[in-house]
Amino acid sequence: MSEREFDFIIFGGTGITGKCVLRNLVKELELEKRPRWIAIVGSNKTQLKMAVTEIAIQMDRNLNDVDLIVADFNDEASLLSLCARTKVLLNAYDPCNTLLREKLAKACIEKRTHMLDISDDPEFIELIQFKYHEAAKASGVYLICSVNFNCVPIDIGVDYLKQQFLPAGRLHSVESYFSFTRNNHRYHPQLNSFVVNPILQSSYLNNSMLTYHNNADIKPSQLSQWITSSTSSTDANSLRSNKELSAWSIPIATNKVIWKSQKWFYEAYREPPIRFEQHLVVSQWHQLIFIVLSLIYLTSLSWFSFSRKLLSNYPDLLTFGFLSNSNNDRKEVKQSLDNNNNSSSLTSLTTSPPSSTPSPSSSSSSSSFSIHLVGQGWDSPSDSSDGQYKFPPNKTIRVSINGSKSDCETTSLILIQSGLTILEESSSMPYKGGCLTPAFAFRYTSIRDRLHQKGLQFKILHH
């Protein structure tokens, strides 16, 4: 793999996410000051040229070193040739195209190419894990899905929280609270993918945790016993006022990647799974009413396969524009570019040495998000032979995850840092290959520190 033509190939480089990945990857490689070769892939050369030209103008850079690869997405030989040319394939293509993603997974395994995919579709993830996990292990390549804004921060955050209880104690349950702010106010005129994707997934795998473990070395009765051995707060699954956050919290469908990570941690390290609950935070009554009605409407759409597909493919149409973040992403990307360009201009005019702290202009953003994780567990090991505790959890730890970029920007940064981690730290990753979740694959790497340096901050609040 060391003799490959490219280090990274961006699949789907003409879309919004693909362009973000290209722009941030170019910036990352400039900072890294290490020669790496990249290319973008599409089915139309004119669109590829337009995408690169657009980014070059925005960044005021010469991007002639970025190769353009035209591929026939319906031709297996074309996909094999594509995968044979790169060490890591960054798949930023339409998450709904499951058939193409499976073709790419097969091609990557055959050509021994790592693939990172932004898709968090549970049907696709279970498909490739069931069909290709052993083949990926044998080939020594990693196929990691859910590498996006929706999944990675919270998946890695939960595992980070779990580490705070080890080695003496054990984490029992986690409650997650997500809030999105704009201009220093909690803002929810549009529901983003963090909220909507789990709703679409829940109808497919309502009992995902128990179902998913049926083929694994874990008994459903054990899961049920561990999960219900003690309960969290009685109102955890109901609408309630959260005094700590000074807002209302609404229970929403749980992101399924958390359960899948629990499966891997049990199989590899015999770590008991945790209870996990997810909430959306709103501060105003009118927002609360809007969100509740929207969730009821979206949940009803998710009951049927045809309406789920329509909602995934045409969110603007079925939600009258409330579910689309594309316009917001474009605005955030443009503002980020303007801030970076202004910062670069100021830096070039000054004679003082560069500061390690980002300037306000370069770090400011009109929107941000935060995830508060509240973990409850025990501060000592169990003295029971079956691993159960005879008393309720006696320790609470809180972790905050904060970001100041849009969904698209955050996803692109996560995808890039995950790719660099595979290139540089694959020896610290489990099984030497396979179809894994982000938290399990990257537990013993520096991924959290890498993301922290890029503005996705993980912080322990207090014990």
Protein backbone atom coordinates (compact mmCIF):
# COMPACT_ATOMS: atom_id res chain seq x y z
CA MET A 1 0.00 0.00 0.00
CA SER A 2 3.00 2.30 0.51
CA GLU A 3 3.52 2.47 -3.27
CA ARG A 4 0.05 3.83 -4.06
CA GLU A 5 -0.31 6.82 -6.36
CA PHE A 6 -2.48 8.75 -3.89
CA ASP A 7 -2.76 8.99 -0.14
CA PHE A 8 -6.40 10.09 -0.32
CA ILE A 9 -9.08 9.95 -2.96
CA ILE A 10 -12.28 11.88 -2.24
CA PHE A 11 -15.25 10.02 -3.66
CA GLY A 12 -18.14 12.39 -4.35
CA GLY A 13 -15.94 15.46 -4.54
CA THR A 14 -18.49 17.61 -6.38
CA GLY A 15 -21.09 17.69 -3.58
CA ILE A 16 -21.23 20.13 -0.66
CA THR A 17 -19.55 17.71 1.75
CA GLY A 18 -17.00 16.62 -0.85
CA LYS A 19 -15.98 20.22 -1.51
CA CYS A 20 -15.61 20.83 2.23
CA VAL A 21 -13.42 17.74 2.48
CA LEU A 22 -11.23 18.91 -0.42
CA ARG A 23 -10.81 22.41 0.97
CA ASN A 24 -10.02 21.28 4.51
CA LEU A 25 -7.73 18.50 3.28
CA VAL A 26 -5.69 20.99 1.24
CA LYS A 27 -5.40 23.23 4.31
CA GLU A 28 -4.46 20.28 6.52
CA LEU A 29 -1.70 19.11 4.19
CA GLU A 30 -0.31 22.65 4.00
CA LEU A 31 -0.07 22.73 7.79
CA GLU A 32 1.35 19.22 7.92
CA LYS A 33 4.17 20.21 5.54
CA ARG A 34 4.45 16.63 4.41
CA PRO A 35 4.04 15.60 0.78
CA ARG A 36 0.77 13.75 0.30
CA TRP A 37 -1.11 13.26 -2.93
CA ILE A 38 -4.85 13.64 -3.28
CA ALA A 39 -7.49 13.30 -5.99
CA ILE A 40 -11.24 13.71 -6.31
CA VAL A 41 -13.58 11.36 -8.12
CA GLY A 42 -16.78 11.97 -10.02
CA SER A 43 -18.71 10.74 -13.01
CA ASN A 44 -18.44 14.02 -14.93
CA LYS A 45 -15.09 15.70 -15.65
CA THR A 46 -16.65 19.11 -16.24
CA GLN A 47 -18.24 19.06 -12.79
CA LEU A 48 -14.94 17.97 -11.25
CA LYS A 49 -13.12 20.87 -12.90
CA MET A 50 -15.80 23.28 -11.72
CA ALA A 51 -15.57 21.98 -8.15
CA VAL A 52 -11.77 22.33 -8.00
CA THR A 53 -11.90 25.76 -9.64
CA GLU A 54 -14.53 26.91 -7.15
CA ILE A 55 -12.43 25.82 -4.17
CA ALA A 56 -9.25 27.27 -5.70
CA ILE A 57 -10.91 30.68 -6.12
CA GLN A 58 -12.38 30.60 -2.61
CA MET A 59 -9.04 29.69 -1.06
CA ASP A 60 -6.93 31.79 -3.44
CA ARG A 61 -4.76 28.72 -4.06
CA ASN A 62 -3.34 26.90 -7.04
CA LEU A 63 -4.88 23.41 -6.91
CA ASN A 64 -3.29 22.01 -10.04
CA ASP A 65 -1.79 19.21 -7.93
CA VAL A 66 -5.26 17.83 -7.21
CA ASP A 67 -5.91 15.07 -9.73
CA LEU A 68 -9.32 14.60 -11.32
CA ILE A 69 -10.53 11.04 -11.79
CA VAL A 70 -13.58 10.21 -13.87
CA ALA A 71 -15.09 6.85 -12.93
CA ASP A 72 -18.03 4.82 -14.16
CA PHE A 73 -19.96 4.11 -10.97
CA ASN A 74 -21.79 1.22 -12.61
CA ASP A 75 -18.64 -0.51 -13.81
CA GLU A 76 -16.92 -2.83 -11.34
CA ALA A 77 -13.59 -2.67 -13.20
CA SER A 78 -13.63 1.13 -12.99
CA LEU A 79 -14.18 1.03 -9.23
CA LEU A 80 -11.43 -1.57 -8.77
CA SER A 81 -9.01 0.57 -10.76
CA LEU A 82 -9.95 3.57 -8.64
CA CYS A 83 -9.41 1.79 -5.31
CA ALA A 84 -6.08 0.36 -6.45
CA ARG A 85 -4.64 3.87 -6.78
CA THR A 86 -5.12 5.12 -3.21
CA LYS A 87 -4.31 4.21 0.38
CA VAL A 88 -7.52 5.66 1.83
CA LEU A 89 -10.85 6.29 0.11
CA LEU A 90 -12.84 9.13 1.72
CA ASN A 91 -16.43 8.46 0.70
CA ALA A 92 -18.46 11.68 0.82
CA TYR A 93 -20.98 10.52 -1.76
CA ASP A 94 -24.77 10.52 -1.34
CA PRO A 95 -25.42 8.48 1.86
CA CYS A 96 -28.63 7.05 0.37
CA ASN A 97 -26.87 5.13 -2.42
CA THR A 98 -26.42 1.82 -0.61
CA LEU A 99 -25.81 -0.24 -3.75
CA LEU A 100 -22.82 1.87 -4.84
CA ARG A 101 -21.41 1.85 -1.32
CA GLU A 102 -21.44 -1.94 -1.24
CA LYS A 103 -19.61 -2.03 -4.59
CA LEU A 104 -16.98 0.32 -3.17
CA ALA A 105 -16.61 -1.81 -0.04
CA LYS A 106 -15.99 -4.93 -2.14
CA ALA A 107 -13.50 -3.09 -4.36
CA CYS A 108 -11.62 -1.70 -1.35
CA ILE A 109 -11.29 -5.16 0.18
CA GLU A 110 -10.04 -6.67 -3.06
CA LYS A 111 -7.48 -3.89 -3.61
CA ARG A 112 -6.55 -3.59 0.10
CA THR A 113 -7.68 0.02 0.44
CA HIS A 114 -9.06 1.56 3.62
CA MET A 115 -12.48 3.22 3.30
CA LEU A 116 -14.05 5.86 5.53
CA ASP A 117 -17.71 6.49 4.82
CA ILE A 118 -19.97 9.31 6.01
CA SER A 119 -23.07 7.09 5.77
CA ASP A 120 -24.72 6.07 9.03
CA ASP A 121 -27.55 4.10 7.43
CA PRO A 122 -28.04 1.10 9.77
CA GLU A 123 -29.16 -1.24 7.00
CA PHE A 124 -25.98 -0.60 5.01
CA ILE A 125 -23.74 -0.83 8.07
CA GLU A 126 -25.16 -4.17 9.14
CA LEU A 127 -24.98 -5.41 5.56
CA ILE A 128 -21.25 -4.81 5.16
CA GLN A 129 -20.45 -5.98 8.69
CA PHE A 130 -22.31 -9.23 8.11
CA LYS A 131 -20.97 -9.83 4.59
CA TYR A 132 -17.51 -8.26 4.58
CA HIS A 133 -16.09 -7.96 8.11
CA GLU A 134 -14.07 -11.18 7.96
CA ALA A 135 -12.90 -10.45 4.42
CA ALA A 136 -11.77 -6.97 5.47
CA LYS A 137 -9.85 -8.45 8.42
CA ALA A 138 -8.17 -10.95 6.14
CA SER A 139 -7.18 -8.17 3.72
CA GLY A 140 -5.92 -5.94 6.52
CA VAL A 141 -8.16 -2.99 5.62
CA TYR A 142 -10.57 -0.92 7.67
CA LEU A 143 -14.08 -0.12 6.47
CA ILE A 144 -15.46 2.42 8.93
CA CYS A 145 -18.91 3.94 8.48
CA SER A 146 -20.70 6.72 10.40
CA VAL A 147 -17.66 9.00 10.08
CA ASN A 148 -19.71 12.16 10.36
CA PHE A 149 -21.00 14.95 12.57
CA ASN A 150 -23.96 12.87 13.78
CA CYS A 151 -22.01 9.92 15.13
CA VAL A 152 -18.31 10.43 15.81
CA PRO A 153 -18.42 13.17 18.49
CA ILE A 154 -21.01 11.38 20.59
CA ASP A 155 -19.61 7.88 19.95
CA ILE A 156 -16.08 8.87 20.94
CA GLY A 157 -17.44 11.09 23.72
CA VAL A 158 -19.30 8.18 25.34
CA ASP A 159 -16.17 6.03 25.23
CA TYR A 160 -14.14 8.94 26.66
CA LEU A 161 -16.65 9.12 29.49
CA LYS A 162 -16.37 5.38 30.01
CA GLN A 163 -12.60 5.67 30.38
CA GLN A 164 -13.03 8.08 33.29
CA PHE A 165 -14.63 5.29 35.35
CA LEU A 166 -11.92 2.73 34.59
CA PRO A 167 -10.05 0.79 35.81
CA ALA A 168 -11.58 0.67 39.30
CA GLY A 169 -15.23 1.45 38.54
CA ARG A 170 -17.71 1.01 35.72
CA LEU A 171 -20.00 3.25 33.69
CA HIS A 172 -23.65 2.25 33.85
CA SER A 173 -25.68 4.85 31.95
CA VAL A 174 -25.27 7.99 29.86
CA GLU A 175 -27.73 10.77 29.12
CA SER A 176 -26.88 12.98 26.16
CA TYR A 177 -28.15 16.55 25.66
CA PHE A 178 -27.68 18.19 22.26
CA SER A 179 -28.15 21.90 21.60
CA PHE A 180 -27.52 24.07 18.56
CA THR A 181 -26.94 27.81 18.89
CA ARG A 182 -26.87 30.69 16.44
CA ASN A 183 -25.72 34.19 17.39
CA ASN A 184 -25.43 33.06 21.02
CA HIS A 185 -29.03 31.81 21.17
CA ARG A 186 -30.38 28.28 21.00
CA TYR A 187 -31.84 28.04 17.56
CA HIS A 188 -34.05 25.38 15.98
CA PRO A 189 -35.91 26.73 12.94
CA GLN A 190 -34.46 23.80 11.03
CA LEU A 191 -34.01 20.30 12.36
CA ASN A 192 -30.59 18.98 11.47
CA SER A 193 -29.41 15.47 10.70
CA PHE A 194 -28.29 14.87 14.30
CA VAL A 195 -31.96 14.75 15.29
CA VAL A 196 -33.53 13.31 12.15
CA ASN A 197 -31.21 10.42 11.23
CA PRO A 198 -31.82 8.46 14.47
CA ILE A 199 -35.57 8.80 13.90
CA LEU A 200 -35.25 7.27 10.44
CA GLN A 201 -33.01 4.54 11.83
CA SER A 202 -35.23 3.69 14.79
CA SER A 203 -38.03 2.34 12.63
CA TYR A 204 -35.60 -0.03 10.95
CA LEU A 205 -33.97 -1.24 14.15
CA ASN A 206 -36.28 -0.38 17.01
CA ASN A 207 -34.70 -3.09 19.15
CA SER A 208 -31.32 -2.66 17.52
CA MET A 209 -29.20 -3.61 20.47
CA LEU A 210 -30.72 -7.01 21.18
CA THR A 211 -31.25 -7.85 17.50
CA TYR A 212 -27.73 -6.91 16.52
CA HIS A 213 -26.18 -9.12 19.18
CA ASN A 214 -28.06 -12.26 18.16
CA ASN A 215 -25.18 -13.32 15.90
CA ALA A 216 -22.51 -12.27 18.38
CA ASP A 217 -20.96 -13.95 21.38
CA ILE A 218 -23.37 -12.34 23.81
CA LYS A 219 -26.69 -13.50 25.20
CA PRO A 220 -29.73 -11.19 25.03
CA SER A 221 -30.58 -12.18 28.59
CA GLN A 222 -27.20 -10.84 29.72
CA LEU A 223 -27.84 -7.55 27.94
CA SER A 224 -31.27 -7.19 29.49
CA GLN A 225 -29.91 -7.99 32.94
CA TRP A 226 -27.07 -5.47 32.68
CA ILE A 227 -29.24 -2.70 31.26
CA THR A 228 -32.01 -3.05 33.83
CA SER A 229 -29.81 -3.86 36.83
CA SER A 230 -30.48 -0.34 38.04
CA THR A 231 -32.51 2.47 36.60
CA SER A 232 -31.68 6.01 35.70
CA SER A 233 -33.94 8.93 36.56
CA THR A 234 -37.63 8.08 36.28
CA ASP A 235 -38.33 10.98 33.94
CA ALA A 236 -35.37 10.37 31.62
CA ASN A 237 -37.62 9.39 28.73
CA SER A 238 -40.11 12.22 29.11
CA LEU A 239 -40.24 15.90 28.26
CA ARG A 240 -38.91 17.84 31.23
CA SER A 241 -37.35 21.06 32.38
CA ASN A 242 -33.60 20.74 32.83
CA LYS A 243 -32.48 23.14 35.55
CA GLU A 244 -28.79 22.48 34.94
CA LEU A 245 -29.06 23.59 31.30
CA SER A 246 -31.79 26.18 31.97
CA ALA A 247 -33.86 24.73 29.14
CA TRP A 248 -36.29 22.01 28.14
CA SER A 249 -35.03 18.58 27.11
CA ILE A 250 -36.92 16.41 24.64
CA PRO A 251 -36.13 12.68 24.37
CA ILE A 252 -35.27 11.68 20.80
CA ALA A 253 -34.40 8.44 19.04
CA THR A 254 -31.00 7.09 20.02
CA ASN A 255 -28.15 7.01 17.53
CA LYS A 256 -27.62 3.34 16.68
CA VAL A 257 -23.85 3.62 16.32
CA ILE A 258 -23.65 3.75 20.13
CA TRP A 259 -25.21 0.28 20.41
CA LYS A 260 -22.95 -1.11 17.72
CA SER A 261 -19.89 0.18 19.55
CA GLN A 262 -21.14 -1.50 22.74
CA LYS A 263 -21.30 -4.77 20.83
CA TRP A 264 -17.68 -4.46 19.72
CA PHE A 265 -16.44 -3.47 23.18
CA TYR A 266 -18.16 -6.47 24.69
CA GLU A 267 -16.84 -8.92 22.11
CA ALA A 268 -13.26 -7.63 22.29
CA TYR A 269 -12.89 -6.64 25.95
CA ARG A 270 -15.96 -8.09 27.69
CA GLU A 271 -17.07 -4.61 28.71
CA PRO A 272 -20.75 -4.63 29.75
CA PRO A 273 -22.97 -2.44 27.55
CA ILE A 274 -24.35 0.79 28.92
CA ARG A 275 -27.77 2.38 29.01
CA PHE A 276 -27.89 5.37 26.65
CA GLU A 277 -30.54 8.07 26.23
CA GLN A 278 -30.50 11.04 23.90
CA HIS A 279 -32.20 14.43 24.30
CA LEU A 280 -32.62 17.63 22.34
CA VAL A 281 -32.34 20.90 24.26
CA VAL A 282 -34.61 23.90 23.54
CA SER A 283 -35.02 27.09 25.54
CA GLN A 284 -38.19 28.75 24.20
CA TRP A 285 -41.81 27.62 24.40
CA HIS A 286 -42.54 28.26 20.72
CA GLN A 287 -39.44 26.22 19.77
CA LEU A 288 -40.57 23.46 22.12
CA ILE A 289 -44.00 23.23 20.50
CA PHE A 290 -42.49 23.30 17.01
CA ILE A 291 -39.98 20.56 17.79
CA VAL A 292 -42.54 18.27 19.44
CA LEU A 293 -44.95 18.56 16.51
CA SER A 294 -42.08 18.07 14.04
CA LEU A 295 -40.88 14.93 15.81
CA ILE A 296 -44.39 13.48 15.77
CA TYR A 297 -44.64 14.18 12.03
CA LEU A 298 -41.18 12.76 11.28
CA THR A 299 -41.80 9.67 13.38
CA SER A 300 -45.01 8.96 11.47
CA LEU A 301 -43.09 9.25 8.18
CA SER A 302 -40.42 6.86 9.43
CA TRP A 303 -42.91 4.03 9.95
CA PHE A 304 -43.02 3.17 6.24
CA SER A 305 -40.08 2.32 3.99
CA PHE A 306 -41.31 4.37 1.02
CA SER A 307 -41.80 7.53 3.14
CA ARG A 308 -38.39 7.02 4.79
CA LYS A 309 -36.76 6.96 1.36
CA LEU A 310 -38.67 10.03 0.27
CA LEU A 311 -37.68 11.87 3.44
CA SER A 312 -34.03 10.89 2.98
CA ASN A 313 -33.94 11.90 -0.68
CA TYR A 314 -36.23 14.96 -0.62
CA PRO A 315 -36.13 16.46 2.89
CA ASP A 316 -36.94 19.98 1.66
CA LEU A 317 -40.09 18.83 -0.12
CA LEU A 318 -41.56 16.70 2.67
CA THR A 319 -40.76 19.15 5.46
CA PHE A 320 -41.40 22.42 3.61
CA GLY A 321 -37.74 23.39 3.91
CA PHE A 322 -37.43 22.88 7.66
CA LEU A 323 -35.26 19.77 7.37
CA SER A 324 -32.66 21.07 4.94
CA ASN A 325 -29.37 22.42 6.21
CA SER A 326 -27.80 22.83 2.78
CA ASN A 327 -28.32 26.59 2.68
CA ASN A 328 -27.01 26.95 6.21
CA ASP A 329 -23.98 24.86 5.31
CA ARG A 330 -23.23 27.05 2.29
CA LYS A 331 -23.46 30.17 4.45
CA GLU A 332 -21.24 28.64 7.14
CA VAL A 333 -18.67 27.51 4.57
CA LYS A 334 -18.60 30.95 2.97
CA GLN A 335 -18.22 32.68 6.32
CA SER A 336 -15.45 30.29 7.34
CA LEU A 337 -13.62 31.00 4.09
CA ASP A 338 -14.01 34.76 4.55
CA ASN A 339 -12.70 34.57 8.12
CA ASN A 340 -9.74 32.43 7.10
CA ASN A 341 -8.89 34.70 4.17
CA ASN A 342 -9.07 37.79 6.37
CA SER A 343 -6.91 36.11 8.98
CA SER A 344 -4.35 35.12 6.33
CA SER A 345 -4.23 38.68 4.98
CA LEU A 346 -3.63 40.13 8.43
CA THR A 347 -0.95 37.57 9.16
CA SER A 348 0.91 38.38 5.96
CA LEU A 349 1.02 42.10 6.88
CA THR A 350 2.30 41.71 10.41
CA THR A 351 5.89 41.11 11.44
CA SER A 352 5.08 39.55 14.80
CA PRO A 353 5.43 35.78 15.19
CA PRO A 354 2.26 33.73 14.76
CA SER A 355 0.30 32.98 17.90
CA SER A 356 -0.65 29.45 18.84
CA THR A 357 -4.09 30.73 19.84
CA PRO A 358 -6.53 31.26 16.97
CA SER A 359 -7.55 34.84 16.42
CA PRO A 360 -11.15 35.77 17.07
CA SER A 361 -11.76 36.42 13.43
CA SER A 362 -10.57 33.00 12.41
CA SER A 363 -12.44 31.09 15.05
CA SER A 364 -15.70 32.98 15.21
CA SER A 365 -18.77 31.48 13.68
CA SER A 366 -22.43 32.36 13.65
CA SER A 367 -23.44 28.89 14.79
CA SER A 368 -22.16 26.24 17.16
CA PHE A 369 -23.29 23.07 18.84
CA SER A 370 -22.74 21.41 22.18
CA ILE A 371 -23.31 17.92 23.52
CA HIS A 372 -23.45 17.38 27.27
CA LEU A 373 -22.93 13.81 28.43
CA VAL A 374 -23.96 12.86 31.96
CA GLY A 375 -22.53 9.50 32.98
CA GLN A 376 -23.53 7.55 36.08
CA GLY A 377 -21.71 4.51 37.36
CA TRP A 378 -19.73 3.02 40.20
CA ASP A 379 -16.40 4.07 41.67
CA SER A 380 -15.38 0.54 42.65
CA PRO A 381 -15.45 -2.93 41.09
CA SER A 382 -18.33 -5.30 41.70
CA ASP A 383 -17.80 -7.98 44.34
CA SER A 384 -20.44 -10.24 42.77
CA SER A 385 -19.48 -13.28 40.70
CA ASP A 386 -21.88 -12.28 37.91
CA GLY A 387 -20.51 -8.73 37.71
CA GLN A 388 -23.70 -7.14 39.04
CA TYR A 389 -23.80 -4.43 41.70
CA LYS A 390 -25.96 -4.68 44.81
CA PHE A 391 -26.27 -0.91 45.15
CA PRO A 392 -27.23 1.88 42.71
CA PRO A 393 -24.63 3.99 40.85
CA ASN A 394 -22.71 6.25 43.23
CA LYS A 395 -20.57 8.33 40.86
CA THR A 396 -21.44 10.96 38.24
CA ILE A 397 -19.10 12.44 35.63
CA ARG A 398 -20.03 15.06 33.03
CA VAL A 399 -18.34 15.61 29.68
CA SER A 400 -19.01 18.44 27.24
CA ILE A 401 -18.35 18.29 23.49
CA ASN A 402 -18.36 21.64 21.73
CA GLY A 403 -17.92 22.65 18.10
CA SER A 404 -18.17 25.95 16.27
CA LYS A 405 -18.67 24.77 12.68
CA SER A 406 -21.60 23.61 10.57
CA ASP A 407 -22.60 19.96 10.13
CA CYS A 408 -20.85 19.79 6.77
CA GLU A 409 -17.63 21.42 7.97
CA THR A 410 -17.48 19.24 11.08
CA THR A 411 -18.08 16.08 9.04
CA SER A 412 -15.26 16.99 6.64
CA LEU A 413 -12.82 17.60 9.50
CA ILE A 414 -13.77 14.30 11.15
CA LEU A 415 -13.35 12.42 7.86
CA ILE A 416 -9.89 13.92 7.27
CA GLN A 417 -8.57 13.36 10.79
CA SER A 418 -9.87 9.79 10.73
CA GLY A 419 -8.03 9.20 7.45
CA LEU A 420 -4.78 10.61 8.81
CA THR A 421 -5.18 8.46 11.91
CA ILE A 422 -5.47 5.31 9.81
CA LEU A 423 -2.38 6.24 7.78
CA GLU A 424 -0.26 7.03 10.82
CA GLU A 425 -1.66 4.90 13.67
CA SER A 426 -3.14 1.76 12.15
CA SER A 427 -0.86 -0.33 14.38
CA SER A 428 -2.87 0.92 17.38
CA MET A 429 -6.21 -0.11 15.89
CA PRO A 430 -7.94 -3.44 16.64
CA TYR A 431 -8.06 -6.61 14.55
CA LYS A 432 -5.71 -5.11 11.91
CA GLY A 433 -8.80 -4.59 9.76
CA GLY A 434 -12.56 -5.07 9.60
CA CYS A 435 -15.89 -3.25 9.42
CA LEU A 436 -15.90 -1.35 12.71
CA THR A 437 -17.47 1.64 14.44
CA PRO A 438 -15.48 4.86 15.01
CA ALA A 439 -15.23 4.63 18.81
CA PHE A 440 -14.08 1.01 18.77
CA ALA A 441 -11.68 1.44 15.85
CA PHE A 442 -10.01 4.59 17.19
CA ARG A 443 -10.08 3.99 20.97
CA TYR A 444 -6.30 3.58 21.33
CA THR A 445 -5.32 6.27 18.82
CA SER A 446 -4.97 10.05 19.10
CA ILE A 447 -8.23 10.77 17.23
CA ARG A 448 -9.78 12.70 20.13
CA ASP A 449 -6.69 14.91 20.45
CA ARG A 450 -6.65 15.46 16.69
CA LEU A 451 -10.29 16.54 16.69
CA HIS A 452 -9.71 18.71 19.75
CA GLN A 453 -6.95 20.58 17.91
CA LYS A 454 -9.35 21.21 15.03
CA GLY A 455 -11.97 22.82 17.25
CA LEU A 456 -14.05 19.84 18.37
CA GLN A 457 -13.42 20.14 22.09
CA PHE A 458 -13.88 17.33 24.61
CA LYS A 459 -13.82 18.48 28.22
CA ILE A 460 -14.53 16.88 31.59
CA LEU A 461 -16.74 19.32 33.48
CA HIS A 462 -16.63 17.89 36.99
CA HIS A 463 -16.87 14.66 38.96
